[in-house]
């Protein structure tokens, strides 16, 4: 009985080839699996206070912290809780990541997160990435809803999501306790029907 239910649940959410990490390309970037040898590049941007300002973590101080983060990416992929892509330039440098976590397969929704090295801000790169990742979420993972939690002061991220079609659904008061304080967070979301309507315009 449990085996039968597992097969039904897998069919409902769409197949994902677990042994093969999907690689995607945008106009200027390659989205691929983050590996241990990327830890130095990761430390470079995760040690930047400006990058980490709204991340909910203190700036990284060691390469081991980067390796731990990469291990978490591996864990959520292997346990079907999410997927996180490394963002690689044509020159081979890792400048950030983007992907899904808190994947609720029963309700066909997941939370999206991302970050980008400060040296690459303002170039439209994350808009490229979000377009590819959102398409993968709706059309490969069979998501019906993609959501993101954003601090009200993070105007840059809110603009990015609005441009991608997300709507602010409300403010969650003191929703998270990070870095010794309670943070309010906007719930932003995009549902598949709205995504399809935008795509057809």
Protein backbone atom coordinates (compact mmCIF):
# COMPACT_ATOMS: atom_id res chain seq x y z
CA UNK A 1 0.00 0.00 0.00
CA UNK A 2 2.77 2.45 0.90
CA UNK A 3 4.61 1.62 -2.33
CA UNK A 4 1.44 2.29 -4.32
CA UNK A 5 0.91 5.65 -2.62
CA UNK A 6 4.53 6.61 -3.29
CA UNK A 7 4.06 5.92 -6.99
CA UNK A 8 0.87 7.99 -7.06
CA UNK A 9 2.56 10.91 -5.29
CA UNK A 10 5.47 10.78 -7.71
CA UNK A 11 3.15 10.85 -10.67
CA UNK A 12 1.19 13.77 -9.22
CA UNK A 13 4.24 15.95 -8.82
CA UNK A 14 6.01 15.00 -12.05
CA UNK A 15 9.10 12.89 -12.58
CA UNK A 16 12.54 14.13 -11.66
CA UNK A 17 15.65 12.18 -12.63
CA UNK A 18 17.29 12.00 -9.24
CA UNK A 19 20.66 10.73 -10.43
CA UNK A 20 21.15 13.56 -12.89
CA UNK A 21 21.29 17.17 -11.80
CA UNK A 22 19.63 19.33 -14.48
CA UNK A 23 21.85 21.90 -16.21
CA UNK A 24 20.30 25.00 -17.75
CA UNK A 25 21.70 27.92 -19.69
CA UNK A 26 20.57 31.53 -20.00
CA UNK A 27 21.94 34.15 -22.35
CA UNK A 28 24.96 34.82 -20.11
CA UNK A 29 25.07 32.09 -17.46
CA UNK A 30 25.18 28.34 -16.92
CA UNK A 31 23.04 26.97 -14.09
CA UNK A 32 24.57 23.76 -12.76
CA UNK A 33 25.16 21.72 -9.62
CA UNK A 34 27.23 23.41 -6.92
CA UNK A 35 30.25 21.26 -5.99
CA UNK A 36 32.88 21.39 -3.25
CA UNK A 37 35.46 23.03 -5.51
CA UNK A 38 33.11 26.03 -5.80
CA UNK A 39 33.52 26.81 -2.10
CA UNK A 40 36.13 29.55 -2.62
CA UNK A 41 33.91 31.43 -5.06
CA UNK A 42 30.96 30.99 -2.70
CA UNK A 43 32.92 32.32 0.26
CA UNK A 44 33.82 35.40 -1.77
CA UNK A 45 30.20 36.54 -2.06
CA UNK A 46 28.83 35.04 1.17
CA UNK A 47 31.47 36.93 3.17
CA UNK A 48 30.14 40.24 1.75
CA UNK A 49 27.98 42.06 4.30
CA UNK A 50 25.91 43.69 1.55
CA UNK A 51 25.07 40.34 -0.04
CA UNK A 52 24.15 38.90 3.37
CA UNK A 53 22.22 41.92 4.62
CA UNK A 54 18.80 40.32 4.04
CA UNK A 55 19.88 36.69 3.93
CA UNK A 56 19.13 35.78 7.53
CA UNK A 57 22.70 34.64 8.21
CA UNK A 58 25.88 36.33 9.34
CA UNK A 59 28.58 36.80 6.68
CA UNK A 60 30.66 33.67 6.22
CA UNK A 61 34.13 33.70 7.72
CA UNK A 62 35.54 30.37 6.56
CA UNK A 63 35.53 28.04 3.59
CA UNK A 64 34.05 25.35 5.83
CA UNK A 65 30.86 27.41 6.12
CA UNK A 66 30.66 27.45 2.33
CA UNK A 67 31.19 23.67 2.23
CA UNK A 68 28.38 23.25 4.78
CA UNK A 69 26.09 25.34 2.58
CA UNK A 70 26.95 23.19 -0.44
CA UNK A 71 26.19 20.07 1.64
CA UNK A 72 22.74 21.51 2.36
CA UNK A 73 22.16 22.01 -1.37
CA UNK A 74 23.07 18.35 -1.89
CA UNK A 75 20.77 17.27 0.93
CA UNK A 76 17.64 19.04 -0.31
CA UNK A 77 18.19 17.63 -3.80
CA UNK A 78 18.75 14.04 -2.67
CA UNK A 79 15.71 14.12 -0.36
CA UNK A 80 13.38 15.80 -2.89
CA UNK A 81 12.98 18.88 -0.71
CA UNK A 82 14.31 21.28 -3.33
CA UNK A 83 17.04 22.11 -5.80
CA UNK A 84 19.69 24.85 -5.90
CA UNK A 85 21.67 25.83 -8.97
CA UNK A 86 25.11 27.42 -9.00
CA UNK A 87 25.28 30.46 -11.28
CA UNK A 88 28.39 30.17 -13.44
CA UNK A 89 29.74 32.81 -15.81
CA UNK A 90 31.15 31.93 -19.21
CA UNK A 91 34.57 32.31 -17.60
CA UNK A 92 33.79 29.55 -15.10
CA UNK A 93 33.31 31.70 -11.98
CA UNK A 94 30.47 31.01 -9.55
CA UNK A 95 28.71 34.27 -8.70
CA UNK A 96 25.63 33.13 -6.78
CA UNK A 97 22.87 30.58 -6.65
CA UNK A 98 19.13 30.21 -7.13
CA UNK A 99 16.59 27.50 -6.57
CA UNK A 100 13.74 25.99 -4.60
CA UNK A 101 13.45 24.72 -1.04
CA UNK A 102 10.56 23.75 1.26
CA UNK A 103 9.09 21.85 -1.68
CA UNK A 104 5.59 20.71 -0.66
CA UNK A 105 4.83 18.00 -3.17
CA UNK A 106 1.31 17.36 -1.95
CA UNK A 107 0.27 20.98 -2.51
CA UNK A 108 2.54 21.58 -5.52
CA UNK A 109 4.34 24.59 -4.10
CA UNK A 110 7.89 25.58 -3.22
CA UNK A 111 9.80 28.54 -1.87
CA UNK A 112 12.38 30.26 -4.05
CA UNK A 113 15.67 31.75 -2.86
CA UNK A 114 18.61 33.40 -4.57
CA UNK A 115 21.71 35.54 -4.11
CA UNK A 116 24.20 37.21 -6.42
CA UNK A 117 27.73 38.52 -5.97
CA UNK A 118 27.67 42.30 -5.54
CA UNK A 119 30.09 42.77 -8.46
CA UNK A 120 27.32 41.57 -10.78
CA UNK A 121 24.38 43.58 -9.43
CA UNK A 122 22.48 45.85 -11.79
CA UNK A 123 23.18 43.86 -14.96
CA UNK A 124 19.89 41.99 -15.27
CA UNK A 125 21.51 38.63 -14.60
CA UNK A 126 19.10 37.55 -11.88
CA UNK A 127 16.11 38.31 -14.11
CA UNK A 128 17.60 35.86 -16.63
CA UNK A 129 18.05 33.28 -13.90
CA UNK A 130 14.57 33.67 -12.44
CA UNK A 131 12.99 33.22 -15.87
CA UNK A 132 14.75 29.87 -16.29
CA UNK A 133 14.16 28.66 -12.74
CA UNK A 134 10.49 29.65 -12.69
CA UNK A 135 9.93 27.85 -16.01
CA UNK A 136 11.60 24.74 -14.58
CA UNK A 137 9.43 24.93 -11.46
CA UNK A 138 6.14 25.11 -13.30
CA UNK A 139 6.90 22.89 -16.28
CA UNK A 140 9.29 20.26 -14.88
CA UNK A 141 8.54 20.08 -11.15
CA UNK A 142 4.80 20.57 -11.83
CA UNK A 143 4.54 23.34 -9.25
CA UNK A 144 1.34 25.34 -9.07
CA UNK A 145 2.70 28.03 -6.76
CA UNK A 146 6.14 29.55 -6.26
CA UNK A 147 6.61 31.81 -3.27
CA UNK A 148 9.36 33.97 -1.82
CA UNK A 149 9.77 35.63 1.58
CA UNK A 150 11.38 39.06 1.47
CA UNK A 151 12.21 41.65 4.10
CA UNK A 152 10.35 44.93 3.49
CA UNK A 153 13.62 46.86 3.35
CA UNK A 154 14.93 44.67 0.53
CA UNK A 155 13.53 46.90 -2.22
CA UNK A 156 15.84 45.48 -4.88
CA UNK A 157 14.55 41.94 -4.39
CA UNK A 158 10.93 43.09 -4.27
CA UNK A 159 11.37 44.88 -7.60
CA UNK A 160 13.00 41.79 -9.10
CA UNK A 161 10.08 39.58 -8.08
CA UNK A 162 7.48 42.10 -9.26
CA UNK A 163 9.18 42.20 -12.65
CA UNK A 164 8.97 38.38 -12.75
CA UNK A 165 5.22 38.50 -12.11
CA UNK A 166 5.08 37.90 -8.36
CA UNK A 167 2.45 39.62 -6.23
CA UNK A 168 2.84 40.75 -2.62
CA UNK A 169 0.16 38.85 -0.73
CA UNK A 170 0.74 40.32 2.71
CA UNK A 171 3.15 41.10 5.52
CA UNK A 172 4.03 38.32 7.98
CA UNK A 173 4.76 40.09 11.26
CA UNK A 174 7.89 38.92 13.12
CA UNK A 175 7.87 35.76 11.03
CA UNK A 176 11.52 34.75 11.44
CA UNK A 177 14.11 35.06 14.20
CA UNK A 178 17.50 35.61 12.59
CA UNK A 179 20.71 37.29 13.69
CA UNK A 180 19.24 38.01 17.12
CA UNK A 181 16.07 39.78 15.94
CA UNK A 182 12.56 39.09 14.68
CA UNK A 183 12.01 39.98 11.03
CA UNK A 184 8.82 40.94 9.23
CA UNK A 185 8.60 39.34 5.80
CA UNK A 186 6.49 39.98 2.74
CA UNK A 187 4.93 36.87 1.24
CA UNK A 188 5.34 37.16 -2.53
CA UNK A 189 3.92 34.53 -4.86
CA UNK A 190 3.35 33.56 -8.47
CA UNK A 191 0.81 30.88 -9.40
CA UNK A 192 0.89 28.87 -12.59
CA UNK A 193 -2.31 30.27 -14.11
CA UNK A 194 -0.97 33.83 -13.79
CA UNK A 195 2.39 32.72 -15.19
CA UNK A 196 0.67 31.21 -18.24
CA UNK A 197 -1.41 34.34 -18.77
CA UNK A 198 1.72 36.52 -18.66
CA UNK A 199 3.51 34.21 -21.09
CA UNK A 200 0.69 34.44 -23.62
CA UNK A 201 0.61 38.25 -23.69
